[in-house]
Amino acid sequence: MKHKLLLKYNIALCLFFAIAQQAFSQTQKSYLEYYGLINQAEMLEFEKKHEQALSKYMEAFKYANGFETDYSEAIKIALNLKKYDLTLFFLKERALKTGGYTPEELYDSLKFATFLNTKFGKEFENNYKKWIAINQKTYDIYALGLVRSIDATDQFVRSGYLRKYKESFTNDSLYQFTKFAILEEVDNTNFLRFKNFVKNIGFPGRSKLGG
């Protein structure tokens, strides 16, 4: 009896790992397709082939939940082309799958204001808070806040904010030393913040961070 139970357990375990491996492979394949299409979209956008770029973004989002910056690019193109139905679609997808945004992120406040005056813009305004509420039930808002804060401080020190003070340094060596000292301090602080988060809550994978 014991051997039969053990056999059943082993068979069940093998099935579980087989299914899990298949699911992982499928997810991996989906993201390979996604990244390939996003790269194509970015190249087409660079070549000013906006209609084709938008089609590639739409195709990419069928393979996987998009990332925040990719939705932003798709929204920007849709706004520029005055495709307000697609603008609404991408705004909704972004709100549900990646969280909030500020209108400034859409690059052109006048075009966004024009969108808001359409029936699609009204629908967005009427439903945006509801979409965000759904998102907040799905993802870990604390994790999102931490990652965005780390990203902001990381990029701040790497974006050359010391350049405007460079003239006040006596020489380039002192400037470089100061810059690297600040970078090291910020990186150490961010690492400890993230380490503490992982220790107490766990690694914030896609299930907690969305896009």
N, C-alpha and C. Protein backbone atom coordinates (compact mmCIF):
# COMPACT_ATOMS: atom_id res chain seq x y z
N MET A 1 0.84 -1.20 0.00
CA MET A 1 0.00 0.00 0.00
C MET A 1 0.88 1.26 0.00
N LYS A 2 1.92 1.21 0.85
CA LYS A 2 2.83 2.34 0.96
C LYS A 2 3.54 2.61 -0.36
N HIS A 3 3.94 1.50 -1.05
CA HIS A 3 4.65 1.63 -2.33
C HIS A 3 3.73 2.20 -3.40
N LYS A 4 2.45 1.80 -3.36
CA LYS A 4 1.48 2.31 -4.33
C LYS A 4 1.27 3.82 -4.15
N LEU A 5 1.18 4.24 -2.89
CA LEU A 5 1.00 5.66 -2.60
C LEU A 5 2.22 6.45 -3.06
N LEU A 6 3.40 5.87 -2.81
CA LEU A 6 4.64 6.53 -3.21
C LEU A 6 4.72 6.65 -4.73
N LEU A 7 4.28 5.60 -5.43
CA LEU A 7 4.28 5.60 -6.89
C LEU A 7 3.35 6.69 -7.42
N LYS A 8 2.14 6.77 -6.83
CA LYS A 8 1.17 7.79 -7.24
C LYS A 8 1.73 9.19 -7.00
N TYR A 9 2.41 9.35 -5.85
CA TYR A 9 2.99 10.65 -5.51
C TYR A 9 4.06 11.04 -6.54
N ASN A 10 4.91 10.06 -6.89
CA ASN A 10 5.98 10.33 -7.85
C ASN A 10 5.43 10.66 -9.23
N ILE A 11 4.36 9.94 -9.63
CA ILE A 11 3.73 10.21 -10.93
C ILE A 11 3.14 11.62 -10.94
N ALA A 12 2.46 11.96 -9.84
CA ALA A 12 1.84 13.30 -9.73
C ALA A 12 2.91 14.39 -9.77
N LEU A 13 4.04 14.13 -9.10
CA LEU A 13 5.13 15.10 -9.07
C LEU A 13 5.73 15.28 -10.46
N CYS A 14 5.90 14.17 -11.17
CA CYS A 14 6.44 14.24 -12.53
C CYS A 14 5.51 15.02 -13.46
N LEU A 15 4.20 14.76 -13.31
CA LEU A 15 3.21 15.48 -14.12
C LEU A 15 3.24 16.97 -13.81
N PHE A 16 3.37 17.30 -12.52
CA PHE A 16 3.41 18.71 -12.12
C PHE A 16 4.60 19.41 -12.77
N PHE A 17 5.78 18.79 -12.68
CA PHE A 17 6.97 19.43 -13.24
C PHE A 17 6.90 19.51 -14.77
N ALA A 18 6.29 18.50 -15.39
CA ALA A 18 6.14 18.52 -16.85
C ALA A 18 5.24 19.67 -17.28
N ILE A 19 4.13 19.83 -16.56
CA ILE A 19 3.19 20.91 -16.87
C ILE A 19 3.82 22.27 -16.59
N ALA A 20 4.53 22.36 -15.46
CA ALA A 20 5.18 23.62 -15.09
C ALA A 20 6.24 24.01 -16.12
N GLN A 21 7.01 23.00 -16.58
CA GLN A 21 8.05 23.25 -17.58
C GLN A 21 7.44 23.72 -18.89
N GLN A 22 6.31 23.08 -19.25
CA GLN A 22 5.62 23.46 -20.49
C GLN A 22 5.10 24.90 -20.38
N ALA A 23 4.52 25.23 -19.23
CA ALA A 23 3.98 26.58 -19.02
C ALA A 23 5.10 27.61 -19.07
N PHE A 24 6.24 27.27 -18.44
CA PHE A 24 7.39 28.18 -18.44
C PHE A 24 7.91 28.39 -19.86
N SER A 25 8.01 27.29 -20.61
CA SER A 25 8.49 27.38 -21.99
C SER A 25 7.57 28.24 -22.84
N GLN A 26 6.24 28.06 -22.62
CA GLN A 26 5.27 28.85 -23.38
C GLN A 26 5.40 30.33 -23.04
N THR A 27 5.57 30.63 -21.74
CA THR A 27 5.74 32.03 -21.31
C THR A 27 7.00 32.62 -21.91
N GLN A 28 8.08 31.82 -21.88
CA GLN A 28 9.36 32.27 -22.43
C GLN A 28 9.22 32.57 -23.92
N LYS A 29 8.51 31.69 -24.63
CA LYS A 29 8.29 31.87 -26.07
C LYS A 29 7.47 33.13 -26.32
N SER A 30 6.45 33.35 -25.48
CA SER A 30 5.59 34.53 -25.64
C SER A 30 6.41 35.82 -25.51
N TYR A 31 7.32 35.84 -24.54
CA TYR A 31 8.11 37.05 -24.35
C TYR A 31 9.18 37.22 -25.42
N LEU A 32 9.67 36.14 -25.98
CA LEU A 32 10.59 36.25 -27.11
C LEU A 32 9.88 36.90 -28.29
N GLU A 33 8.64 36.46 -28.53
CA GLU A 33 7.82 37.05 -29.59
C GLU A 33 7.56 38.52 -29.28
N TYR A 34 7.22 38.79 -28.03
CA TYR A 34 6.91 40.15 -27.60
C TYR A 34 8.08 41.10 -27.86
N TYR A 35 9.27 40.71 -27.38
CA TYR A 35 10.44 41.59 -27.52
C TYR A 35 10.80 41.80 -28.99
N GLY A 36 10.66 40.75 -29.79
CA GLY A 36 10.94 40.87 -31.22
C GLY A 36 10.04 41.89 -31.89
N LEU A 37 8.75 41.84 -31.56
CA LEU A 37 7.79 42.77 -32.15
C LEU A 37 8.00 44.20 -31.64
N ILE A 38 8.34 44.33 -30.36
CA ILE A 38 8.61 45.66 -29.81
C ILE A 38 9.82 46.29 -30.50
N ASN A 39 10.85 45.48 -30.74
CA ASN A 39 12.03 46.00 -31.45
C ASN A 39 11.67 46.47 -32.86
N GLN A 40 10.82 45.69 -33.53
CA GLN A 40 10.37 46.09 -34.86
C GLN A 40 9.58 47.39 -34.81
N ALA A 41 8.71 47.50 -33.80
CA ALA A 41 7.89 48.71 -33.64
C ALA A 41 8.79 49.94 -33.44
N GLU A 42 9.83 49.79 -32.62
CA GLU A 42 10.72 50.92 -32.34
C GLU A 42 11.50 51.33 -33.58
N MET A 43 11.91 50.34 -34.39
CA MET A 43 12.62 50.65 -35.63
C MET A 43 11.71 51.39 -36.61
N LEU A 44 10.47 50.92 -36.74
CA LEU A 44 9.51 51.56 -37.63
C LEU A 44 9.18 52.98 -37.17
N GLU A 45 9.11 53.15 -35.85
CA GLU A 45 8.86 54.48 -35.30
C GLU A 45 10.03 55.41 -35.62
N PHE A 46 11.24 54.89 -35.49
CA PHE A 46 12.44 55.67 -35.81
C PHE A 46 12.44 56.09 -37.28
N GLU A 47 11.92 55.20 -38.13
CA GLU A 47 11.84 55.48 -39.57
C GLU A 47 10.61 56.31 -39.93
N LYS A 48 9.86 56.73 -38.90
CA LYS A 48 8.65 57.55 -39.07
C LYS A 48 7.53 56.82 -39.82
N LYS A 49 7.54 55.49 -39.71
CA LYS A 49 6.45 54.68 -40.28
C LYS A 49 5.47 54.38 -39.14
N HIS A 50 4.74 55.42 -38.75
CA HIS A 50 3.95 55.37 -37.52
C HIS A 50 2.80 54.35 -37.55
N GLU A 51 2.12 54.27 -38.67
CA GLU A 51 1.00 53.31 -38.78
C GLU A 51 1.50 51.88 -38.59
N GLN A 52 2.61 51.56 -39.25
CA GLN A 52 3.17 50.22 -39.15
C GLN A 52 3.69 49.94 -37.74
N ALA A 53 4.29 50.97 -37.14
CA ALA A 53 4.80 50.81 -35.77
C ALA A 53 3.66 50.50 -34.82
N LEU A 54 2.55 51.21 -34.97
CA LEU A 54 1.39 51.00 -34.09
C LEU A 54 0.85 49.58 -34.25
N SER A 55 0.83 49.08 -35.47
CA SER A 55 0.37 47.70 -35.71
C SER A 55 1.25 46.69 -35.00
N LYS A 56 2.56 46.96 -34.98
CA LYS A 56 3.49 46.05 -34.30
C LYS A 56 3.28 46.07 -32.79
N TYR A 57 3.02 47.25 -32.24
CA TYR A 57 2.73 47.34 -30.80
C TYR A 57 1.47 46.54 -30.47
N MET A 58 0.44 46.69 -31.29
CA MET A 58 -0.81 45.97 -31.04
C MET A 58 -0.59 44.47 -31.10
N GLU A 59 0.22 44.04 -32.07
CA GLU A 59 0.51 42.61 -32.20
C GLU A 59 1.30 42.10 -31.00
N ALA A 60 2.26 42.91 -30.54
CA ALA A 60 3.10 42.52 -29.39
C ALA A 60 2.27 42.32 -28.15
N PHE A 61 1.30 43.21 -27.91
CA PHE A 61 0.50 43.15 -26.68
C PHE A 61 -0.44 41.94 -26.66
N LYS A 62 -0.58 41.26 -27.80
CA LYS A 62 -1.38 40.03 -27.83
C LYS A 62 -0.59 38.86 -27.25
N TYR A 63 0.74 38.96 -27.29
CA TYR A 63 1.58 37.87 -26.80
C TYR A 63 1.80 37.93 -25.29
N ALA A 64 1.82 39.14 -24.73
CA ALA A 64 2.12 39.28 -23.31
C ALA A 64 1.62 40.62 -22.80
N ASN A 65 1.43 40.71 -21.49
CA ASN A 65 1.13 42.00 -20.89
C ASN A 65 2.29 42.95 -21.17
N GLY A 66 1.97 44.11 -21.70
CA GLY A 66 3.02 45.04 -22.08
C GLY A 66 3.70 45.70 -20.89
N PHE A 67 4.84 46.31 -21.16
CA PHE A 67 5.55 47.07 -20.15
C PHE A 67 5.15 48.54 -20.25
N GLU A 68 5.32 49.25 -19.14
CA GLU A 68 4.82 50.62 -19.03
C GLU A 68 5.32 51.52 -20.16
N THR A 69 6.62 51.47 -20.43
CA THR A 69 7.19 52.34 -21.46
C THR A 69 6.67 51.99 -22.85
N ASP A 70 6.41 50.70 -23.09
CA ASP A 70 5.88 50.29 -24.40
C ASP A 70 4.46 50.81 -24.61
N TYR A 71 3.64 50.73 -23.55
CA TYR A 71 2.30 51.31 -23.64
C TYR A 71 2.39 52.82 -23.89
N SER A 72 3.34 53.49 -23.24
CA SER A 72 3.49 54.93 -23.41
C SER A 72 3.80 55.28 -24.86
N GLU A 73 4.69 54.51 -25.47
CA GLU A 73 5.03 54.76 -26.87
C GLU A 73 3.83 54.53 -27.78
N ALA A 74 3.08 53.46 -27.51
CA ALA A 74 1.89 53.17 -28.32
C ALA A 74 0.85 54.29 -28.17
N ILE A 75 0.68 54.78 -26.94
CA ILE A 75 -0.27 55.88 -26.69
C ILE A 75 0.17 57.12 -27.45
N LYS A 76 1.46 57.41 -27.40
CA LYS A 76 1.98 58.60 -28.08
C LYS A 76 1.69 58.54 -29.58
N ILE A 77 1.94 57.39 -30.19
CA ILE A 77 1.70 57.25 -31.63
C ILE A 77 0.21 57.37 -31.94
N ALA A 78 -0.62 56.69 -31.16
CA ALA A 78 -2.07 56.74 -31.38
C ALA A 78 -2.59 58.17 -31.27
N LEU A 79 -2.08 58.92 -30.31
CA LEU A 79 -2.47 60.33 -30.16
C LEU A 79 -2.05 61.15 -31.38
N ASN A 80 -0.82 60.94 -31.82
CA ASN A 80 -0.32 61.69 -32.97
C ASN A 80 -1.11 61.40 -34.24
N LEU A 81 -1.57 60.14 -34.36
CA LEU A 81 -2.34 59.75 -35.55
C LEU A 81 -3.84 60.03 -35.38
N LYS A 82 -4.21 60.55 -34.22
CA LYS A 82 -5.61 60.85 -33.88
C LYS A 82 -6.50 59.61 -33.92
N LYS A 83 -5.90 58.48 -33.56
CA LYS A 83 -6.65 57.22 -33.45
C LYS A 83 -7.11 57.11 -31.99
N TYR A 84 -8.16 57.80 -31.68
CA TYR A 84 -8.57 57.94 -30.28
C TYR A 84 -9.16 56.67 -29.69
N ASP A 85 -9.72 55.79 -30.54
CA ASP A 85 -10.20 54.51 -30.03
C ASP A 85 -9.03 53.67 -29.52
N LEU A 86 -7.91 53.69 -30.26
CA LEU A 86 -6.72 52.95 -29.84
C LEU A 86 -6.04 53.64 -28.65
N THR A 87 -6.10 54.96 -28.62
CA THR A 87 -5.56 55.69 -27.47
C THR A 87 -6.25 55.23 -26.19
N LEU A 88 -7.57 55.14 -26.27
CA LEU A 88 -8.34 54.66 -25.11
C LEU A 88 -7.97 53.23 -24.76
N PHE A 89 -7.86 52.38 -25.77
CA PHE A 89 -7.53 50.98 -25.54
C PHE A 89 -6.20 50.84 -24.81
N PHE A 90 -5.17 51.56 -25.28
CA PHE A 90 -3.84 51.47 -24.66
C PHE A 90 -3.83 52.09 -23.26
N LEU A 91 -4.58 53.17 -23.07
CA LEU A 91 -4.67 53.78 -21.74
C LEU A 91 -5.30 52.81 -20.74
N LYS A 92 -6.33 52.11 -21.19
CA LYS A 92 -7.00 51.15 -20.32
C LYS A 92 -6.06 49.99 -19.98
N GLU A 93 -5.40 49.45 -21.00
CA GLU A 93 -4.46 48.35 -20.79
C GLU A 93 -3.35 48.76 -19.83
N ARG A 94 -2.86 49.97 -20.03
CA ARG A 94 -1.78 50.44 -19.16
C ARG A 94 -2.24 50.61 -17.72
N ALA A 95 -3.41 51.17 -17.54
CA ALA A 95 -3.94 51.37 -16.19
C ALA A 95 -4.17 50.04 -15.48
N LEU A 96 -4.74 49.07 -16.20
CA LEU A 96 -5.05 47.77 -15.60
C LEU A 96 -3.81 46.94 -15.33
N LYS A 97 -2.81 47.04 -16.21
CA LYS A 97 -1.69 46.11 -16.14
C LYS A 97 -0.39 46.70 -15.60
N THR A 98 -0.31 48.02 -15.56
CA THR A 98 0.95 48.61 -15.05
C THR A 98 0.73 49.69 -14.01
N GLY A 99 -0.49 50.14 -13.81
CA GLY A 99 -0.74 51.18 -12.81
C GLY A 99 -0.95 52.55 -13.44
N GLY A 100 -0.79 53.58 -12.63
CA GLY A 100 -1.14 54.93 -13.05
C GLY A 100 -0.09 55.61 -13.90
N TYR A 101 -0.38 56.83 -14.27
CA TYR A 101 0.53 57.66 -15.04
C TYR A 101 0.12 59.11 -14.82
N THR A 102 0.98 60.02 -15.25
CA THR A 102 0.61 61.43 -15.23
C THR A 102 0.53 61.88 -16.69
N PRO A 103 -0.37 62.81 -17.02
CA PRO A 103 -0.52 63.26 -18.41
C PRO A 103 0.78 63.73 -19.04
N GLU A 104 1.72 64.27 -18.23
CA GLU A 104 2.99 64.76 -18.78
C GLU A 104 3.77 63.64 -19.47
N GLU A 105 3.54 62.40 -19.03
CA GLU A 105 4.27 61.28 -19.61
C GLU A 105 3.85 61.04 -21.06
N LEU A 106 2.74 61.61 -21.46
CA LEU A 106 2.25 61.39 -22.82
C LEU A 106 2.84 62.38 -23.81
N TYR A 107 3.77 63.21 -23.36
CA TYR A 107 4.62 64.03 -24.22
C TYR A 107 3.96 65.26 -24.83
N ASP A 108 2.65 65.24 -25.05
CA ASP A 108 2.02 66.40 -25.68
C ASP A 108 0.68 66.66 -25.01
N SER A 109 0.66 67.61 -24.08
CA SER A 109 -0.54 67.86 -23.29
C SER A 109 -1.69 68.38 -24.15
N LEU A 110 -1.38 69.12 -25.22
CA LEU A 110 -2.45 69.65 -26.09
C LEU A 110 -3.17 68.51 -26.82
N LYS A 111 -2.39 67.56 -27.32
CA LYS A 111 -3.01 66.42 -28.02
C LYS A 111 -3.83 65.57 -27.06
N PHE A 112 -3.33 65.46 -25.84
CA PHE A 112 -4.08 64.68 -24.84
C PHE A 112 -5.37 65.41 -24.46
N ALA A 113 -5.30 66.73 -24.36
CA ALA A 113 -6.50 67.52 -24.05
C ALA A 113 -7.54 67.38 -25.16
N THR A 114 -7.08 67.33 -26.41
CA THR A 114 -7.99 67.12 -27.54
C THR A 114 -8.66 65.76 -27.44
N PHE A 115 -7.87 64.76 -27.08
CA PHE A 115 -8.41 63.40 -26.88
C PHE A 115 -9.50 63.40 -25.81
N LEU A 116 -9.26 64.12 -24.70
CA LEU A 116 -10.22 64.13 -23.59
C LEU A 116 -11.57 64.73 -23.99
N ASN A 117 -11.58 65.52 -25.04
CA ASN A 117 -12.82 66.13 -25.50
C ASN A 117 -13.63 65.23 -26.43
N THR A 118 -13.08 64.06 -26.76
CA THR A 118 -13.80 63.10 -27.59
C THR A 118 -14.60 62.15 -26.71
N LYS A 119 -15.46 61.36 -27.34
CA LYS A 119 -16.25 60.38 -26.56
C LYS A 119 -15.33 59.34 -25.91
N PHE A 120 -14.21 59.04 -26.57
CA PHE A 120 -13.26 58.07 -26.01
C PHE A 120 -12.56 58.67 -24.78
N GLY A 121 -12.26 59.98 -24.86
CA GLY A 121 -11.66 60.65 -23.72
C GLY A 121 -12.59 60.71 -22.53
N LYS A 122 -13.88 60.93 -22.79
CA LYS A 122 -14.88 60.96 -21.71
C LYS A 122 -14.97 59.58 -21.05
N GLU A 123 -14.93 58.54 -21.89
CA GLU A 123 -14.98 57.18 -21.35
C GLU A 123 -13.77 56.91 -20.47
N PHE A 124 -12.61 57.41 -20.90
CA PHE A 124 -11.39 57.25 -20.10
C PHE A 124 -11.55 57.94 -18.74
N GLU A 125 -12.00 59.18 -18.75
CA GLU A 125 -12.15 59.93 -17.50
C GLU A 125 -13.16 59.28 -16.56
N ASN A 126 -14.21 58.71 -17.12
CA ASN A 126 -15.25 58.08 -16.30
C ASN A 126 -14.80 56.76 -15.67
N ASN A 127 -13.84 56.10 -16.29
CA ASN A 127 -13.46 54.75 -15.85
C ASN A 127 -12.06 54.62 -15.28
N TYR A 128 -11.25 55.67 -15.41
CA TYR A 128 -9.84 55.55 -15.03
C TYR A 128 -9.65 55.12 -13.58
N LYS A 129 -10.38 55.74 -12.66
CA LYS A 129 -10.22 55.40 -11.23
C LYS A 129 -10.62 53.95 -10.96
N LYS A 130 -11.62 53.47 -11.67
CA LYS A 130 -12.05 52.08 -11.51
C LYS A 130 -10.95 51.13 -11.99
N TRP A 131 -10.33 51.45 -13.11
CA TRP A 131 -9.25 50.60 -13.63
C TRP A 131 -8.07 50.56 -12.67
N ILE A 132 -7.74 51.71 -12.11
CA ILE A 132 -6.63 51.77 -11.15
C ILE A 132 -6.96 50.96 -9.91
N ALA A 133 -8.22 51.02 -9.46
CA ALA A 133 -8.64 50.25 -8.28
C ALA A 133 -8.48 48.76 -8.54
N ILE A 134 -8.82 48.32 -9.74
CA ILE A 134 -8.65 46.91 -10.12
C ILE A 134 -7.16 46.56 -10.09
N ASN A 135 -6.34 47.44 -10.63
CA ASN A 135 -4.90 47.22 -10.66
C ASN A 135 -4.33 47.09 -9.25
N GLN A 136 -4.81 47.92 -8.35
CA GLN A 136 -4.28 47.91 -6.99
C GLN A 136 -4.64 46.64 -6.23
N LYS A 137 -5.72 46.00 -6.64
CA LYS A 137 -6.08 44.72 -6.03
C LYS A 137 -5.17 43.60 -6.55
N THR A 138 -4.65 43.81 -7.76
CA THR A 138 -3.86 42.76 -8.41
C THR A 138 -2.39 42.82 -8.03
N TYR A 139 -1.85 44.03 -7.96
CA TYR A 139 -0.41 44.18 -7.76
C TYR A 139 -0.08 44.75 -6.38
N ASP A 140 1.16 44.62 -6.01
CA ASP A 140 1.65 45.09 -4.73
C ASP A 140 2.08 46.55 -4.87
N ILE A 141 1.26 47.47 -4.37
CA ILE A 141 1.52 48.90 -4.53
C ILE A 141 2.81 49.31 -3.82
N TYR A 142 3.10 48.68 -2.67
CA TYR A 142 4.33 49.00 -1.95
C TYR A 142 5.55 48.63 -2.79
N ALA A 143 5.46 47.45 -3.44
CA ALA A 143 6.57 47.01 -4.28
C ALA A 143 6.76 47.96 -5.46
N LEU A 144 5.65 48.37 -6.07
CA LEU A 144 5.72 49.32 -7.19
C LEU A 144 6.36 50.63 -6.75
N GLY A 145 5.93 51.12 -5.58
CA GLY A 145 6.46 52.38 -5.07
C GLY A 145 7.95 52.29 -4.80
N LEU A 146 8.38 51.17 -4.22
CA LEU A 146 9.80 50.98 -3.92
C LEU A 146 10.63 50.95 -5.19
N VAL A 147 10.19 50.17 -6.17
CA VAL A 147 10.95 50.04 -7.41
C VAL A 147 11.02 51.38 -8.16
N ARG A 148 9.90 52.10 -8.18
CA ARG A 148 9.92 53.40 -8.86
C ARG A 148 10.81 54.41 -8.14
N SER A 149 10.83 54.32 -6.82
CA SER A 149 11.69 55.21 -6.04
C SER A 149 13.16 54.89 -6.29
N ILE A 150 13.49 53.61 -6.31
CA ILE A 150 14.86 53.19 -6.59
C ILE A 150 15.27 53.63 -7.99
N ASP A 151 14.37 53.43 -8.94
CA ASP A 151 14.65 53.82 -10.33
C ASP A 151 14.89 55.33 -10.44
N ALA A 152 14.05 56.10 -9.75
CA ALA A 152 14.17 57.56 -9.82
C ALA A 152 15.49 58.05 -9.26
N THR A 153 15.88 57.54 -8.08
CA THR A 153 17.14 57.98 -7.47
C THR A 153 18.34 57.50 -8.27
N ASP A 154 18.24 56.28 -8.79
CA ASP A 154 19.32 55.72 -9.60
C ASP A 154 19.55 56.58 -10.85
N GLN A 155 18.47 56.91 -11.54
CA GLN A 155 18.60 57.68 -12.77
C GLN A 155 18.99 59.14 -12.49
N PHE A 156 18.57 59.65 -11.34
CA PHE A 156 18.90 61.03 -10.98
C PHE A 156 20.41 61.22 -10.88
N VAL A 157 21.06 60.31 -10.17
CA VAL A 157 22.51 60.47 -9.99
C VAL A 157 23.27 60.12 -11.27
N ARG A 158 22.65 59.32 -12.15
CA ARG A 158 23.33 58.93 -13.39
C ARG A 158 23.03 59.87 -14.56
N SER A 159 22.13 60.80 -14.36
CA SER A 159 21.73 61.69 -15.45
C SER A 159 22.59 62.95 -15.53
N GLY A 160 23.64 63.00 -14.70
CA GLY A 160 24.57 64.12 -14.78
C GLY A 160 24.12 65.36 -14.05
N TYR A 161 23.39 65.19 -12.95
CA TYR A 161 22.91 66.38 -12.25
C TYR A 161 24.05 67.20 -11.64
N LEU A 162 25.24 66.59 -11.51
CA LEU A 162 26.38 67.34 -10.97
C LEU A 162 27.02 68.25 -12.02
N ARG A 163 26.66 68.05 -13.29
CA ARG A 163 27.33 68.80 -14.35
C ARG A 163 27.22 70.31 -14.15
N LYS A 164 26.05 70.76 -13.73
CA LYS A 164 25.88 72.21 -13.59
C LYS A 164 26.76 72.80 -12.48
N TYR A 165 27.27 71.92 -11.60
CA TYR A 165 28.17 72.39 -10.53
C TYR A 165 29.63 72.12 -10.86
N LYS A 166 29.88 71.60 -12.07
CA LYS A 166 31.23 71.15 -12.40
C LYS A 166 32.26 72.28 -12.32
N GLU A 167 31.85 73.50 -12.69
CA GLU A 167 32.80 74.63 -12.69
C GLU A 167 33.34 74.92 -11.29
N SER A 168 32.55 74.57 -10.26
CA SER A 168 32.99 74.88 -8.90
C SER A 168 34.06 73.91 -8.38
N PHE A 169 34.31 72.83 -9.13
CA PHE A 169 35.35 71.89 -8.72
C PHE A 169 36.71 72.39 -9.20
N THR A 170 37.72 72.18 -8.38
CA THR A 170 39.06 72.68 -8.74
C THR A 170 39.68 71.92 -9.90
N ASN A 171 39.34 70.66 -10.05
CA ASN A 171 39.84 69.89 -11.19
C ASN A 171 38.89 68.72 -11.49
N ASP A 172 39.09 68.12 -12.65
CA ASP A 172 38.22 67.03 -13.07
C ASP A 172 38.32 65.81 -12.17
N SER A 173 39.50 65.59 -11.61
CA SER A 173 39.68 64.43 -10.74
C SER A 173 38.80 64.53 -9.50
N LEU A 174 38.73 65.73 -8.93
CA LEU A 174 37.90 65.95 -7.76
C LEU A 174 36.42 65.78 -8.12
N TYR A 175 36.07 66.28 -9.30
CA TYR A 175 34.69 66.15 -9.78
C TYR A 175 34.31 64.68 -9.94
N GLN A 176 35.18 63.92 -10.60
CA GLN A 176 34.92 62.49 -10.82
C GLN A 176 34.84 61.74 -9.50
N PHE A 177 35.74 62.06 -8.58
CA PHE A 177 35.75 61.41 -7.27
C PHE A 177 34.42 61.67 -6.54
N THR A 178 33.96 62.92 -6.57
CA THR A 178 32.70 63.28 -5.91
C THR A 178 31.52 62.56 -6.56
N LYS A 179 31.52 62.53 -7.88
CA LYS A 179 30.43 61.89 -8.61
C LYS A 179 30.35 60.40 -8.27
N PHE A 180 31.49 59.73 -8.30
CA PHE A 180 31.49 58.29 -8.03
C PHE A 180 31.16 58.00 -6.57
N ALA A 181 31.55 58.89 -5.67
CA ALA A 181 31.22 58.72 -4.24
C ALA A 181 29.71 58.79 -4.04
N ILE A 182 29.06 59.73 -4.73
CA ILE A 182 27.60 59.88 -4.63
C ILE A 182 26.90 58.67 -5.26
N LEU A 183 27.41 58.24 -6.41
CA LEU A 183 26.84 57.04 -7.06
C LEU A 183 26.91 55.83 -6.14
N GLU A 184 28.07 55.65 -5.52
CA GLU A 184 28.26 54.50 -4.62
C GLU A 184 27.31 54.57 -3.43
N GLU A 185 27.15 55.76 -2.87
CA GLU A 185 26.27 55.93 -1.72
C GLU A 185 24.81 55.62 -2.09
N VAL A 186 24.37 56.13 -3.21
CA VAL A 186 22.99 55.89 -3.66
C VAL A 186 22.77 54.41 -3.97
N ASP A 187 23.74 53.79 -4.66
CA ASP A 187 23.61 52.37 -5.00
C ASP A 187 23.56 51.51 -3.74
N ASN A 188 24.40 51.82 -2.77
CA ASN A 188 24.40 51.06 -1.51
C ASN A 188 23.07 51.19 -0.78
N THR A 189 22.55 52.42 -0.73
CA THR A 189 21.26 52.67 -0.06
C THR A 189 20.14 51.91 -0.76
N ASN A 190 20.12 51.98 -2.08
CA ASN A 190 19.07 51.28 -2.84
C ASN A 190 19.17 49.77 -2.69
N PHE A 191 20.40 49.27 -2.66
CA PHE A 191 20.59 47.82 -2.49
C PHE A 191 20.05 47.36 -1.14
N LEU A 192 20.35 48.11 -0.08
CA LEU A 192 19.87 47.75 1.25
C LEU A 192 18.35 47.84 1.34
N ARG A 193 17.75 48.84 0.69
CA ARG A 193 16.29 48.97 0.69
C ARG A 193 15.65 47.75 0.01
N PHE A 194 16.23 47.38 -1.13
CA PHE A 194 15.68 46.24 -1.86
C PHE A 194 15.91 44.93 -1.11
N LYS A 195 17.09 44.78 -0.53
CA LYS A 195 17.42 43.58 0.24
C LYS A 195 16.44 43.41 1.40
N ASN A 196 16.13 44.50 2.07
CA ASN A 196 15.19 44.46 3.20
C ASN A 196 13.79 44.08 2.73
N PHE A 197 13.41 44.59 1.58
CA PHE A 197 12.10 44.26 1.01
C PHE A 197 12.01 42.75 0.72
N VAL A 198 13.04 42.21 0.08
CA VAL A 198 13.05 40.78 -0.28
C VAL A 198 13.04 39.92 0.98
N LYS A 199 13.78 40.34 1.98
CA LYS A 199 13.85 39.58 3.24
C LYS A 199 12.48 39.50 3.92
N ASN A 200 11.74 40.59 3.91
CA ASN A 200 10.46 40.65 4.63
C ASN A 200 9.25 40.21 3.81
N ILE A 201 9.30 40.43 2.51
CA ILE A 201 8.11 40.17 1.68
C ILE A 201 8.36 39.13 0.60
N GLY A 202 9.61 39.02 0.14
CA GLY A 202 9.91 38.10 -0.95
C GLY A 202 10.28 38.86 -2.20
N PHE A 203 10.78 38.13 -3.17
CA PHE A 203 11.21 38.79 -4.41
C PHE A 203 10.00 39.28 -5.19
N PRO A 204 9.96 40.58 -5.55
CA PRO A 204 8.77 41.12 -6.22
C PRO A 204 8.76 40.80 -7.71
N GLY A 205 8.26 39.63 -8.04
CA GLY A 205 8.20 39.22 -9.44
C GLY A 205 7.10 39.95 -10.19
N ARG A 206 6.84 39.51 -11.40
CA ARG A 206 5.85 40.17 -12.25
C ARG A 206 4.46 40.15 -11.63
N SER A 207 4.17 39.13 -10.82
CA SER A 207 2.84 39.04 -10.18
C SER A 207 2.61 40.21 -9.23
N LYS A 208 3.71 40.80 -8.70
CA LYS A 208 3.57 41.93 -7.79
C LYS A 208 3.77 43.27 -8.50
N LEU A 209 4.52 43.25 -9.60
CA LEU A 209 4.89 44.51 -10.25
C LEU A 209 4.12 44.77 -11.54
N GLY A 210 3.41 43.77 -12.06
CA GLY A 210 2.72 44.01 -13.33
C GLY A 210 3.73 44.30 -14.42
N GLY A 211 3.48 45.36 -15.22
CA GLY A 211 4.36 45.71 -16.30
C GLY A 211 5.60 46.45 -15.86
